[in-house]
PDB file of N, CA and C in Angstrom:
ATOM      1  N   UNK A   1     -10.199  67.458 -12.098  1.00  0.00           N
ATOM      2  CA  UNK A   1     -10.960  68.909 -11.468  1.00  0.00           C
ATOM      3  C   UNK A   1      -9.029  69.400 -11.963  1.00  0.00           C
ATOM      4  N   UNK A   2      -8.679  68.757 -12.398  1.00  0.00           N
ATOM      5  CA  UNK A   2      -7.544  69.525 -12.277  1.00  0.00           C
ATOM      6  C   UNK A   2      -7.546  70.240 -13.563  1.00  0.00           C
ATOM      7  N   UNK A   3      -7.793  69.894 -14.341  1.00  0.00           N
ATOM      8  CA  UNK A   3      -8.858  70.566 -15.865  1.00  0.00           C
ATOM      9  C   UNK A   3      -9.774  70.805 -15.874  1.00  0.00           C
ATOM     10  N   UNK A   4     -10.111  71.423 -14.966  1.00  0.00           N
ATOM     11  CA  UNK A   4     -11.128  71.908 -15.363  1.00  0.00           C
ATOM     12  C   UNK A   4     -11.394  73.529 -15.058  1.00  0.00           C
ATOM     13  N   UNK A   5     -12.079  74.763 -16.223  1.00  0.00           N
ATOM     14  CA  UNK A   5     -12.256  75.671 -16.808  1.00  0.00           C
ATOM     15  C   UNK A   5     -12.668  76.596 -15.868  1.00  0.00           C
ATOM     16  N   UNK A   6     -12.431  78.192 -15.947  1.00  0.00           N
ATOM     17  CA  UNK A   6     -13.419  78.656 -14.935  1.00  0.00           C
ATOM     18  C   UNK A   6     -14.788  78.685 -15.679  1.00  0.00           C
ATOM     19  N   UNK A   7     -15.631  78.157 -16.983  1.00  0.00           N
ATOM     20  CA  UNK A   7     -16.505  77.737 -17.732  1.00  0.00           C
ATOM     21  C   UNK A   7     -17.029  76.889 -16.644  1.00  0.00           C
ATOM     22  N   UNK A   8     -16.689  75.742 -16.460  1.00  0.00           N
ATOM     23  CA  UNK A   8     -17.050  74.358 -15.885  1.00  0.00           C
ATOM     24  C   UNK A   8     -16.630  74.766 -14.532  1.00  0.00           C
ATOM     25  N   UNK A   9     -16.084  75.859 -13.224  1.00  0.00           N
ATOM     26  CA  UNK A   9     -16.786  76.342 -12.066  1.00  0.00           C
ATOM     27  C   UNK A   9     -18.107  77.155 -12.080  1.00  0.00           C
ATOM     28  N   UNK A  10     -17.935  78.144 -13.321  1.00  0.00           N
ATOM     29  CA  UNK A  10     -18.771  78.948 -13.230  1.00  0.00           C
ATOM     30  C   UNK A  10     -20.405  77.883 -13.725  1.00  0.00           C
ATOM     31  N   UNK A  11     -19.855  77.048 -14.181  1.00  0.00           N
ATOM     32  CA  UNK A  11     -21.485  76.571 -14.316  1.00  0.00           C
ATOM     33  C   UNK A  11     -21.763  74.961 -13.356  1.00  0.00           C
ATOM     34  N   UNK A  12     -21.115  74.993 -12.619  1.00  0.00           N
ATOM     35  CA  UNK A  12     -20.695  73.823 -10.848  1.00  0.00           C
ATOM     36  C   UNK A  12     -21.107  75.228 -10.155  1.00  0.00           C
ATOM     37  N   UNK A  13     -20.543  76.961 -10.301  1.00  0.00           N
ATOM     38  CA  UNK A  13     -21.461  77.447  -8.923  1.00  0.00           C
ATOM     39  C   UNK A  13     -22.878  77.618  -9.333  1.00  0.00           C
ATOM     40  N   UNK A  14     -23.231  78.207 -10.675  1.00  0.00           N
ATOM     41  CA  UNK A  14     -24.624  78.301 -10.798  1.00  0.00           C
ATOM     42  C   UNK A  14     -25.630  77.053 -10.582  1.00  0.00           C
ATOM     43  N   UNK A  15     -24.741  76.289 -10.977  1.00  0.00           N
ATOM     44  CA  UNK A  15     -26.295  75.450 -11.150  1.00  0.00           C
ATOM     45  C   UNK A  15     -26.057  75.023  -9.027  1.00  0.00           C
ATOM     46  N   UNK A  16     -24.976  74.702  -8.531  1.00  0.00           N
ATOM     47  CA  UNK A  16     -24.845  74.748  -6.798  1.00  0.00           C
ATOM     48  C   UNK A  16     -26.457  76.545  -6.385  1.00  0.00           C
ATOM     49  N   UNK A  17     -26.110  77.370  -6.351  1.00  0.00           N
ATOM     50  CA  UNK A  17     -26.740  78.361  -6.089  1.00  0.00           C
ATOM     51  C   UNK A  17     -27.647  78.251  -7.173  1.00  0.00           C
ATOM     52  N   UNK A  18     -28.529  77.799  -7.698  1.00  0.00           N
ATOM     53  CA  UNK A  18     -30.022  77.437  -8.286  1.00  0.00           C
ATOM     54  C   UNK A  18     -30.885  76.989  -7.771  1.00  0.00           C
ATOM     55  N   UNK A  19     -29.076  75.721  -7.083  1.00  0.00           N
ATOM     56  CA  UNK A  19     -30.703  74.233  -6.161  1.00  0.00           C
ATOM     57  C   UNK A  19     -30.475  75.172  -4.978  1.00  0.00           C
ATOM     58  N   UNK A  20     -30.012  75.535  -4.546  1.00  0.00           N
ATOM     59  CA  UNK A  20     -29.960  77.086  -3.333  1.00  0.00           C
ATOM     60  C   UNK A  20     -31.183  77.341  -3.139  1.00  0.00           C
ATOM     61  N   UNK A  21     -31.412  77.701  -4.320  1.00  0.00           N
ATOM     62  CA  UNK A  21     -32.440  79.319  -4.176  1.00  0.00           C
ATOM     63  C   UNK A  21     -34.052  78.223  -4.254  1.00  0.00           C
ATOM     64  N   UNK A  22     -33.678  76.632  -4.773  1.00  0.00           N
ATOM     65  CA  UNK A  22     -34.792  76.351  -4.670  1.00  0.00           C
ATOM     66  C   UNK A  22     -35.812  76.232  -3.240  1.00  0.00           C
ATOM     67  N   UNK A  23     -34.342  75.318  -2.507  1.00  0.00           N
ATOM     68  CA  UNK A  23     -34.614  74.901  -1.669  1.00  0.00           C
ATOM     69  C   UNK A  23     -34.824  76.057  -0.767  1.00  0.00           C
ATOM     70  N   UNK A  24     -34.325  76.948  -0.363  1.00  0.00           N
ATOM     71  CA  UNK A  24     -35.015  78.378   0.517  1.00  0.00           C
ATOM     72  C   UNK A  24     -35.951  78.478   0.148  1.00  0.00           C
ATOM     73  N   UNK A  25     -36.441  78.781  -1.708  1.00  0.00           N
ATOM     74  CA  UNK A  25     -38.465  79.160  -1.738  1.00  0.00           C
ATOM     75  C   UNK A  25     -38.887  78.040  -0.867  1.00  0.00           C
ATOM     76  N   UNK A  26     -38.355  76.682  -1.161  1.00  0.00           N
ATOM     77  CA  UNK A  26     -39.351  75.758  -1.472  1.00  0.00           C
ATOM     78  C   UNK A  26     -39.881  75.751   0.367  1.00  0.00           C
ATOM     79  N   UNK A  27     -38.914  75.534   1.108  1.00  0.00           N
ATOM     80  CA  UNK A  27     -38.531  75.577   1.962  1.00  0.00           C
ATOM     81  C   UNK A  27     -38.919  77.027   3.294  1.00  0.00           C
ATOM     82  N   UNK A  28     -39.044  78.037   2.396  1.00  0.00           N
ATOM     83  CA  UNK A  28     -39.386  79.158   3.753  1.00  0.00           C
ATOM     84  C   UNK A  28     -40.165  79.640   4.704  1.00  0.00           C
ATOM     85  N   UNK A  29     -41.583  78.852   4.371  1.00  0.00           N
ATOM     86  CA  UNK A  29     -42.215  79.441   5.432  1.00  0.00           C
ATOM     87  C   UNK A  29     -41.661  78.300   6.648  1.00  0.00           C
ATOM     88  N   UNK A  30     -41.373  77.476   6.236  1.00  0.00           N
ATOM     89  CA  UNK A  30     -40.569  76.158   7.609  1.00  0.00           C
ATOM     90  C   UNK A  30     -39.547  76.999   8.290  1.00  0.00           C
ATOM     91  N   UNK A  31     -39.103  77.653   7.858  1.00  0.00           N
ATOM     92  CA  UNK A  31     -36.998  78.087   8.009  1.00  0.00           C
ATOM     93  C   UNK A  31     -38.279  79.591   8.904  1.00  0.00           C
ATOM     94  N   UNK A  32     -39.248  80.689   8.604  1.00  0.00           N
ATOM     95  CA  UNK A  32     -40.078  81.663   9.002  1.00  0.00           C
ATOM     96  C   UNK A  32     -40.177  81.168  10.240  1.00  0.00           C
ATOM     97  N   UNK A  33     -41.274  79.646   9.904  1.00  0.00           N
ATOM     98  CA  UNK A  33     -41.704  79.750  11.506  1.00  0.00           C
ATOM     99  C   UNK A  33     -40.193  79.567  12.527  1.00  0.00           C
ATOM    100  N   UNK A  34     -39.053  78.960  12.427  1.00  0.00           N
ATOM    101  CA  UNK A  34     -38.310  78.279  12.948  1.00  0.00           C
ATOM    102  C   UNK A  34     -38.210  79.057  13.546  1.00  0.00           C
ATOM    103  N   UNK A  35     -37.486  80.656  12.745  1.00  0.00           N
ATOM    104  CA  UNK A  35     -37.114  81.555  13.154  1.00  0.00           C
ATOM    105  C   UNK A  35     -37.565  82.288  13.904  1.00  0.00           C
ATOM    106  N   UNK A  36     -39.205  82.851  13.505  1.00  0.00           N
ATOM    107  CA  UNK A  36     -40.180  83.948  13.642  1.00  0.00           C
ATOM    108  C   UNK A  36     -40.947  83.392  14.336  1.00  0.00           C
ATOM    109  N   UNK A  37     -41.262  82.274  14.293  1.00  0.00           N
ATOM    110  CA  UNK A  37     -42.889  81.798  14.864  1.00  0.00           C
ATOM    111  C   UNK A  37     -43.312  81.921  16.529  1.00  0.00           C
ATOM    112  N   UNK A  38     -44.568  82.587  16.581  1.00  0.00           N
ATOM    113  CA  UNK A  38     -44.729  83.218  17.702  1.00  0.00           C
ATOM    114  C   UNK A  38     -45.549  81.691  18.844  1.00  0.00           C
ATOM    115  N   UNK A  39     -45.845  81.667  19.885  1.00  0.00           N
ATOM    116  CA  UNK A  39     -46.629  80.688  20.510  1.00  0.00           C
ATOM    117  C   UNK A  39     -47.505  81.014  20.948  1.00  0.00           C
ATOM    118  N   UNK A  40     -48.837  80.045  20.699  1.00  0.00           N
ATOM    119  CA  UNK A  40     -49.757  80.512  20.842  1.00  0.00           C
ATOM    120  C   UNK A  40     -50.470  79.139  22.482  1.00  0.00           C
ATOM    121  N   UNK A  41     -51.346  79.616  23.230  1.00  0.00           N
ATOM    122  CA  UNK A  41     -52.266  78.413  23.657  1.00  0.00           C
ATOM    123  C   UNK A  41     -52.836  77.812  22.711  1.00  0.00           C
ATOM    124  N   UNK A  42     -53.733  77.194  22.135  1.00  0.00           N
ATOM    125  CA  UNK A  42     -54.063  76.390  21.882  1.00  0.00           C
ATOM    126  C   UNK A  42     -55.011  75.272  22.708  1.00  0.00           C
ATOM    127  N   UNK A  43     -56.572  75.112  22.234  1.00  0.00           N
ATOM    128  CA  UNK A  43     -56.705  73.455  22.366  1.00  0.00           C
ATOM    129  C   UNK A  43     -57.948  72.747  21.680  1.00  0.00           C
ATOM    130  N   UNK A  44     -57.926  71.350  21.468  1.00  0.00           N
ATOM    131  CA  UNK A  44     -58.297  70.504  21.088  1.00  0.00           C
ATOM    132  C   UNK A  44     -60.206  70.719  21.064  1.00  0.00           C
ATOM    133  N   UNK A  45     -60.662  71.654  19.890  1.00  0.00           N
ATOM    134  CA  UNK A  45     -62.357  71.326  20.507  1.00  0.00           C
ATOM    135  C   UNK A  45     -62.711  70.561  19.710  1.00  0.00           C
ATOM    136  N   UNK A  46     -62.455  69.400  19.226  1.00  0.00           N
ATOM    137  CA  UNK A  46     -63.248  68.835  18.416  1.00  0.00           C
ATOM    138  C   UNK A  46     -62.597  67.182  18.037  1.00  0.00           C
ATOM    139  N   UNK A  47     -62.509  65.698  17.257  1.00  0.00           N
ATOM    140  CA  UNK A  47     -62.152  65.180  16.364  1.00  0.00           C
ATOM    141  C   UNK A  47     -62.638  65.365  14.872  1.00  0.00           C
ATOM    142  N   UNK A  48     -62.161  64.708  13.973  1.00  0.00           N
ATOM    143  CA  UNK A  48     -62.957  64.865  12.679  1.00  0.00           C
ATOM    144  C   UNK A  48     -62.368  63.175  12.181  1.00  0.00           C
ATOM    145  N   UNK A  49     -62.763  62.638  11.489  1.00  0.00           N
ATOM    146  CA  UNK A  49     -62.507  61.432  11.410  1.00  0.00           C
ATOM    147  C   UNK A  49     -63.043  61.272  10.163  1.00  0.00           C
ATOM    148  N   UNK A  50     -62.268  60.020   9.049  1.00  0.00           N
ATOM    149  CA  UNK A  50     -62.063  59.909   8.455  1.00  0.00           C
ATOM    150  C   UNK A  50     -61.654  58.112   8.151  1.00  0.00           C
ATOM    151  N   UNK A  51     -61.866  57.915   6.666  1.00  0.00           N
ATOM    152  CA  UNK A  51     -61.379  56.536   6.811  1.00  0.00           C
ATOM    153  C   UNK A  51     -61.222  56.355   5.375  1.00  0.00           C
ATOM    154  N   UNK A  52     -59.989  55.441   5.626  1.00  0.00           N
ATOM    155  CA  UNK A  52     -58.649  55.211   3.826  1.00  0.00           C
ATOM    156  C   UNK A  52     -58.861  53.593   4.543  1.00  0.00           C
ATOM    157  N   UNK A  53     -59.162  52.407   2.805  1.00  0.00           N
ATOM    158  CA  UNK A  53     -58.371  51.485   2.933  1.00  0.00           C
ATOM    159  C   UNK A  53     -58.872  50.718   4.631  1.00  0.00           C
ATOM    160  N   UNK A  54     -60.372  50.937   4.711  1.00  0.00           N
ATOM    161  CA  UNK A  54     -60.746  50.158   5.792  1.00  0.00           C
ATOM    162  C   UNK A  54     -60.373  50.708   7.333  1.00  0.00           C
ATOM    163  N   UNK A  55     -59.571  51.900   7.815  1.00  0.00           N
ATOM    164  CA  UNK A  55     -58.939  52.231   7.942  1.00  0.00           C
ATOM    165  C   UNK A  55     -59.494  53.396   8.683  1.00  0.00           C
ATOM    166  N   UNK A  56     -59.414  53.279  10.394  1.00  0.00           N
ATOM    167  CA  UNK A  56     -60.800  55.015  10.229  1.00  0.00           C
ATOM    168  C   UNK A  56     -58.816  55.598  11.461  1.00  0.00           C
ATOM    169  N   UNK A  57     -59.464  57.336  10.328  1.00  0.00           N
ATOM    170  CA  UNK A  57     -58.624  58.313  11.077  1.00  0.00           C
ATOM    171  C   UNK A  57     -59.078  59.200  11.778  1.00  0.00           C
ATOM    172  N   UNK A  58     -58.162  59.595  12.656  1.00  0.00           N
ATOM    173  CA  UNK A  58     -58.748  60.696  13.850  1.00  0.00           C
ATOM    174  C   UNK A  58     -57.676  62.478  13.386  1.00  0.00           C
ATOM    175  N   UNK A  59     -57.884  63.128  13.066  1.00  0.00           N
ATOM    176  CA  UNK A  59     -57.725  64.954  13.312  1.00  0.00           C
ATOM    177  C   UNK A  59     -57.994  65.341  13.495  1.00  0.00           C
ATOM    178  N   UNK A  60     -57.521  66.342  14.857  1.00  0.00           N
ATOM    179  CA  UNK A  60     -57.902  67.176  15.402  1.00  0.00           C
ATOM    180  C   UNK A  60     -57.779  68.599  15.089  1.00  0.00           C
ATOM    181  N   UNK A  61     -59.424  69.073  15.373  1.00  0.00           N
ATOM    182  CA  UNK A  61     -60.105  70.659  15.035  1.00  0.00           C
ATOM    183  C   UNK A  61     -59.734  70.731  16.264  1.00  0.00           C
ATOM    184  N   UNK A  62     -58.320  72.640  16.395  1.00  0.00           N
ATOM    185  CA  UNK A  62     -57.665  72.637  16.918  1.00  0.00           C
ATOM    186  C   UNK A  62     -58.413  74.533  17.148  1.00  0.00           C
ATOM    187  N   UNK A  63     -58.215  74.880  18.096  1.00  0.00           N
ATOM    188  CA  UNK A  63     -58.665  76.494  18.559  1.00  0.00           C
ATOM    189  C   UNK A  63     -57.283  77.122  19.370  1.00  0.00           C
ATOM    190  N   UNK A  64     -57.197  77.741  18.436  1.00  0.00           N
ATOM    191  CA  UNK A  64     -55.974  79.063  19.455  1.00  0.00           C
ATOM    192  C   UNK A  64     -56.632  80.702  18.866  1.00  0.00           C
ATOM    193  N   UNK A  65     -55.887  81.498  19.749  1.00  0.00           N
ATOM    194  CA  UNK A  65     -56.064  82.660  19.153  1.00  0.00           C
ATOM    195  C   UNK A  65     -55.006  83.695  19.285  1.00  0.00           C
ATOM    196  N   UNK A  66     -54.628  84.268  17.873  1.00  0.00           N
ATOM    197  CA  UNK A  66     -53.143  84.736  17.808  1.00  0.00           C
ATOM    198  C   UNK A  66     -53.561  85.895  18.917  1.00  0.00           C
ATOM    199  N   UNK A  67     -52.020  86.727  18.577  1.00  0.00           N
ATOM    200  CA  UNK A  67     -51.816  87.510  19.391  1.00  0.00           C
ATOM    201  C   UNK A  67     -52.877  89.078  19.128  1.00  0.00           C
ATOM    202  N   UNK A  68     -52.888  89.182  17.687  1.00  0.00           N
ATOM    203  CA  UNK A  68     -53.976  90.431  18.092  1.00  0.00           C
ATOM    204  C   UNK A  68     -55.580  90.253  17.857  1.00  0.00           C
ATOM    205  N   UNK A  69     -55.304  89.042  18.576  1.00  0.00           N
ATOM    206  CA  UNK A  69     -57.212  88.853  18.845  1.00  0.00           C
ATOM    207  C   UNK A  69     -58.133  87.815  18.158  1.00  0.00           C
ATOM    208  N   UNK A  70     -57.147  87.678  16.893  1.00  0.00           N
ATOM    209  CA  UNK A  70     -58.044  86.713  16.102  1.00  0.00           C
ATOM    210  C   UNK A  70     -58.351  85.183  16.566  1.00  0.00           C
ATOM    211  N   UNK A  71     -59.138  84.147  16.247  1.00  0.00           N
ATOM    212  CA  UNK A  71     -59.908  83.434  16.885  1.00  0.00           C
ATOM    213  C   UNK A  71     -59.774  82.309  15.368  1.00  0.00           C
ATOM    214  N   UNK A  72     -59.209  81.678  15.479  1.00  0.00           N
ATOM    215  CA  UNK A  72     -58.108  80.465  14.267  1.00  0.00           C
ATOM    216  C   UNK A  72     -58.799  79.580  15.208  1.00  0.00           C
ATOM    217  N   UNK A  73     -59.780  78.550  14.023  1.00  0.00           N
ATOM    218  CA  UNK A  73     -59.846  76.885  14.415  1.00  0.00           C
ATOM    219  C   UNK A  73     -59.436  76.052  13.037  1.00  0.00           C
ATOM    220  N   UNK A  74     -58.382  74.906  13.212  1.00  0.00           N
ATOM    221  CA  UNK A  74     -58.285  74.282  12.096  1.00  0.00           C
ATOM    222  C   UNK A  74     -58.212  73.488  11.902  1.00  0.00           C
ATOM    223  N   UNK A  75     -58.150  72.470  11.322  1.00  0.00           N
ATOM    224  CA  UNK A  75     -57.652  70.434  11.180  1.00  0.00           C
ATOM    225  C   UNK A  75     -56.184  70.621  11.409  1.00  0.00           C
ATOM    226  N   UNK A  76     -55.833  69.892  12.288  1.00  0.00           N
ATOM    227  CA  UNK A  76     -54.401  69.331  12.191  1.00  0.00           C
ATOM    228  C   UNK A  76     -53.951  68.678  10.883  1.00  0.00           C
ATOM    229  N   UNK A  77     -52.655  68.444  10.580  1.00  0.00           N
ATOM    230  CA  UNK A  77     -51.933  67.779   9.654  1.00  0.00           C
ATOM    231  C   UNK A  77     -52.245  66.377  10.104  1.00  0.00           C
ATOM    232  N   UNK A  78     -51.487  66.355  11.354  1.00  0.00           N
ATOM    233  CA  UNK A  78     -51.193  65.137  12.196  1.00  0.00           C
ATOM    234  C   UNK A  78     -52.666  64.335  12.348  1.00  0.00           C
ATOM    235  N   UNK A  79     -52.152  63.217  12.119  1.00  0.00           N
ATOM    236  CA  UNK A  79     -53.568  62.048  12.312  1.00  0.00           C
ATOM    237  C   UNK A  79     -53.319  60.931  13.161  1.00  0.00           C
ATOM    238  N   UNK A  80     -54.092  60.376  14.364  1.00  0.00           N
ATOM    239  CA  UNK A  80     -54.281  59.172  14.630  1.00  0.00           C
ATOM    240  C   UNK A  80     -54.789  58.977  14.225  1.00  0.00           C
ATOM    241  N   UNK A  81     -54.572  56.675  14.028  1.00  0.00           N
ATOM    242  CA  UNK A  81     -55.624  55.802  14.130  1.00  0.00           C
ATOM    243  C   UNK A  81     -56.207  55.139  15.188  1.00  0.00           C
ATOM    244  N   UNK A  82     -57.328  54.856  14.503  1.00  0.00           N
ATOM    245  CA  UNK A  82     -58.049  53.929  15.548  1.00  0.00           C
ATOM    246  C   UNK A  82     -59.224  54.713  16.691  1.00  0.00           C
ATOM    247  N   UNK A  83     -58.494  55.862  17.744  1.00  0.00           N
ATOM    248  CA  UNK A  83     -59.288  56.482  17.930  1.00  0.00           C
ATOM    249  C   UNK A  83     -58.569  57.640  18.429  1.00  0.00           C
ATOM    250  N   UNK A  84     -59.299  58.748  18.992  1.00  0.00           N
ATOM    251  CA  UNK A  84     -58.588  60.098  19.074  1.00  0.00           C
ATOM    252  C   UNK A  84     -57.685  59.643  20.211  1.00  0.00           C
ATOM    253  N   UNK A  85     -56.137  60.596  20.187  1.00  0.00           N
ATOM    254  CA  UNK A  85     -55.372  60.396  21.265  1.00  0.00           C
ATOM    255  C   UNK A  85     -55.298  60.596  22.217  1.00  0.00           C
ATOM    256  N   UNK A  86     -55.847  62.550  21.909  1.00  0.00           N
ATOM    257  CA  UNK A  86     -56.669  63.237  23.240  1.00  0.00           C
ATOM    258  C   UNK A  86     -58.057  63.394  23.476  1.00  0.00           C
ATOM    259  N   UNK A  87     -58.240  63.156  24.813  1.00  0.00           N
ATOM    260  CA  UNK A  87     -59.851  64.298  24.871  1.00  0.00           C
ATOM    261  C   UNK A  87     -59.709  65.658  24.101  1.00  0.00           C
ATOM    262  N   UNK A  88     -61.277  65.472  24.392  1.00  0.00           N
ATOM    263  CA  UNK A  88     -61.136  66.615  23.451  1.00  0.00           C
ATOM    264  C   UNK A  88     -61.279  67.989  25.083  1.00  0.00           C
ATOM    265  N   UNK A  89     -60.714  69.589  24.456  1.00  0.00           N
ATOM    266  CA  UNK A  89     -60.107  69.911  26.342  1.00  0.00           C
ATOM    267  C   UNK A  89     -58.385  70.509  25.921  1.00  0.00           C
ATOM    268  N   UNK A  90     -58.016  69.428  25.464  1.00  0.00           N
ATOM    269  CA  UNK A  90     -56.699  68.943  25.811  1.00  0.00           C
ATOM    270  C   UNK A  90     -55.558  70.537  25.428  1.00  0.00           C
ATOM    271  N   UNK A  91     -54.758  71.418  26.027  1.00  0.00           N
ATOM    272  CA  UNK A  91     -54.320  72.318  25.463  1.00  0.00           C
ATOM    273  C   UNK A  91     -53.494  71.350  24.432  1.00  0.00           C
ATOM    274  N   UNK A  92     -52.688  72.443  23.760  1.00  0.00           N
ATOM    275  CA  UNK A  92     -51.624  72.445  22.650  1.00  0.00           C
ATOM    276  C   UNK A  92     -50.985  73.442  22.833  1.00  0.00           C
ATOM    277  N   UNK A  93     -49.559  73.745  22.066  1.00  0.00           N
ATOM    278  CA  UNK A  93     -49.223  75.366  21.499  1.00  0.00           C
ATOM    279  C   UNK A  93     -49.018  74.861  20.258  1.00  0.00           C
ATOM    280  N   UNK A  94     -48.988  76.427  20.221  1.00  0.00           N
ATOM    281  CA  UNK A  94     -49.540  76.432  18.489  1.00  0.00           C
ATOM    282  C   UNK A  94     -48.472  77.521  18.938  1.00  0.00           C
ATOM    283  N   UNK A  95     -46.916  77.530  17.159  1.00  0.00           N
ATOM    284  CA  UNK A  95     -46.645  77.599  16.994  1.00  0.00           C
ATOM    285  C   UNK A  95     -46.722  78.774  16.010  1.00  0.00           C
ATOM    286  N   UNK A  96     -46.787  79.885  14.991  1.00  0.00           N
ATOM    287  CA  UNK A  96     -47.512  80.454  14.191  1.00  0.00           C
ATOM    288  C   UNK A  96     -46.748  81.691  13.513  1.00  0.00           C
ATOM    289  N   UNK A  97     -46.768  81.727  11.959  1.00  0.00           N
ATOM    290  CA  UNK A  97     -46.000  83.570  12.078  1.00  0.00           C
ATOM    291  C   UNK A  97     -47.394  84.561  12.085  1.00  0.00           C
ATOM    292  N   UNK A  98     -47.163  85.189  12.646  1.00  0.00           N
ATOM    293  CA  UNK A  98     -47.979  86.629  13.214  1.00  0.00           C
ATOM    294  C   UNK A  98     -48.821  87.075  12.218  1.00  0.00           C
ATOM    295  N   UNK A  99     -47.734  87.173  10.407  1.00  0.00           N
ATOM    296  CA  UNK A  99     -48.294  87.710   8.929  1.00  0.00           C
ATOM    297  C   UNK A  99     -49.390  87.109   8.805  1.00  0.00           C
ATOM    298  N   UNK A 100     -49.031  85.675   9.140  1.00  0.00           N
ATOM    299  CA  UNK A 100     -49.904  84.479   7.850  1.00  0.00           C
ATOM    300  C   UNK A 100     -49.754  83.132   9.179  1.00  0.00           C
ATOM    301  N   UNK A 101     -51.256  83.558  10.030  1.00  0.00           N
ATOM    302  CA  UNK A 101     -51.311  82.047  10.941  1.00  0.00           C
ATOM    303  C   UNK A 101     -52.017  81.263  10.316  1.00  0.00           C
ATOM    304  N   UNK A 102     -51.893  80.936   9.290  1.00  0.00           N
ATOM    305  CA  UNK A 102     -51.979  79.797   8.639  1.00  0.00           C
ATOM    306  C   UNK A 102     -51.017  78.493   8.662  1.00  0.00           C
ATOM    307  N   UNK A 103     -49.303  79.916   8.514  1.00  0.00           N
ATOM    308  CA  UNK A 103     -48.723  78.516   8.402  1.00  0.00           C
ATOM    309  C   UNK A 103     -48.242  78.764   9.756  1.00  0.00           C
ATOM    310  N   UNK A 104     -48.605  77.473  10.680  1.00  0.00           N
ATOM    311  CA  UNK A 104     -48.591  76.427  12.013  1.00  0.00           C
ATOM    312  C   UNK A 104     -48.057  75.529  11.913  1.00  0.00           C
ATOM    313  N   UNK A 105     -47.766  75.823  13.769  1.00  0.00           N
ATOM    314  CA  UNK A 105     -47.169  73.586  13.790  1.00  0.00           C
ATOM    315  C   UNK A 105     -47.927  73.518  15.469  1.00  0.00           C
ATOM    316  N   UNK A 106     -47.837  72.858  15.424  1.00  0.00           N
ATOM    317  CA  UNK A 106     -48.427  71.966  17.007  1.00  0.00           C
ATOM    318  C   UNK A 106     -47.717  71.175  17.451  1.00  0.00           C
ATOM    319  N   UNK A 107     -47.603  71.792  18.851  1.00  0.00           N
ATOM    320  CA  UNK A 107     -46.974  70.778  20.155  1.00  0.00           C
ATOM    321  C   UNK A 107     -48.216  70.436  20.852  1.00  0.00           C
ATOM    322  N   UNK A 108     -48.021  68.734  20.683  1.00  0.00           N
ATOM    323  CA  UNK A 108     -48.575  68.336  21.804  1.00  0.00           C
ATOM    324  C   UNK A 108     -47.827  67.434  22.913  1.00  0.00           C
ATOM    325  N   UNK A 109     -49.213  67.766  23.868  1.00  0.00           N
ATOM    326  CA  UNK A 109     -48.614  66.872  25.092  1.00  0.00           C
ATOM    327  C   UNK A 109     -48.316  66.141  25.025  1.00  0.00           C
ATOM    328  N   UNK A 110     -46.926  65.507  25.855  1.00  0.00           N
ATOM    329  CA  UNK A 110     -47.067  64.191  25.712  1.00  0.00           C
ATOM    330  C   UNK A 110     -47.315  63.400  26.230  1.00  0.00           C
ATOM    331  N   UNK A 111     -47.976  61.575  25.383  1.00  0.00           N
ATOM    332  CA  UNK A 111     -49.125  60.844  25.417  1.00  0.00           C
ATOM    333  C   UNK A 111     -48.453  59.808  26.896  1.00  0.00           C
TER     334      UNK A 111
END
């Protein structure tokens, strides 16, 4: 590092800035959800099943109402194997972005 020129430092700084910008862009919604997300009460209204490589997986279908009154029903990304983990009607918390409710995270009860 003693022999680095200003050009070496500039290339290094620009590379680091580019990597940071790409990471911030890639995780922008995760960061926004963490900082600005609001909570709503949701409920598991059904389970959707699928079979992969001989194993049966279940995805919860969740319903929640946004602060503006919009009803949202979606299939959660989390899944369980074998049988549904929670009964239909189980309350969950949904953290979502008010301007983009499709960006959300489900907080399940402790089983």
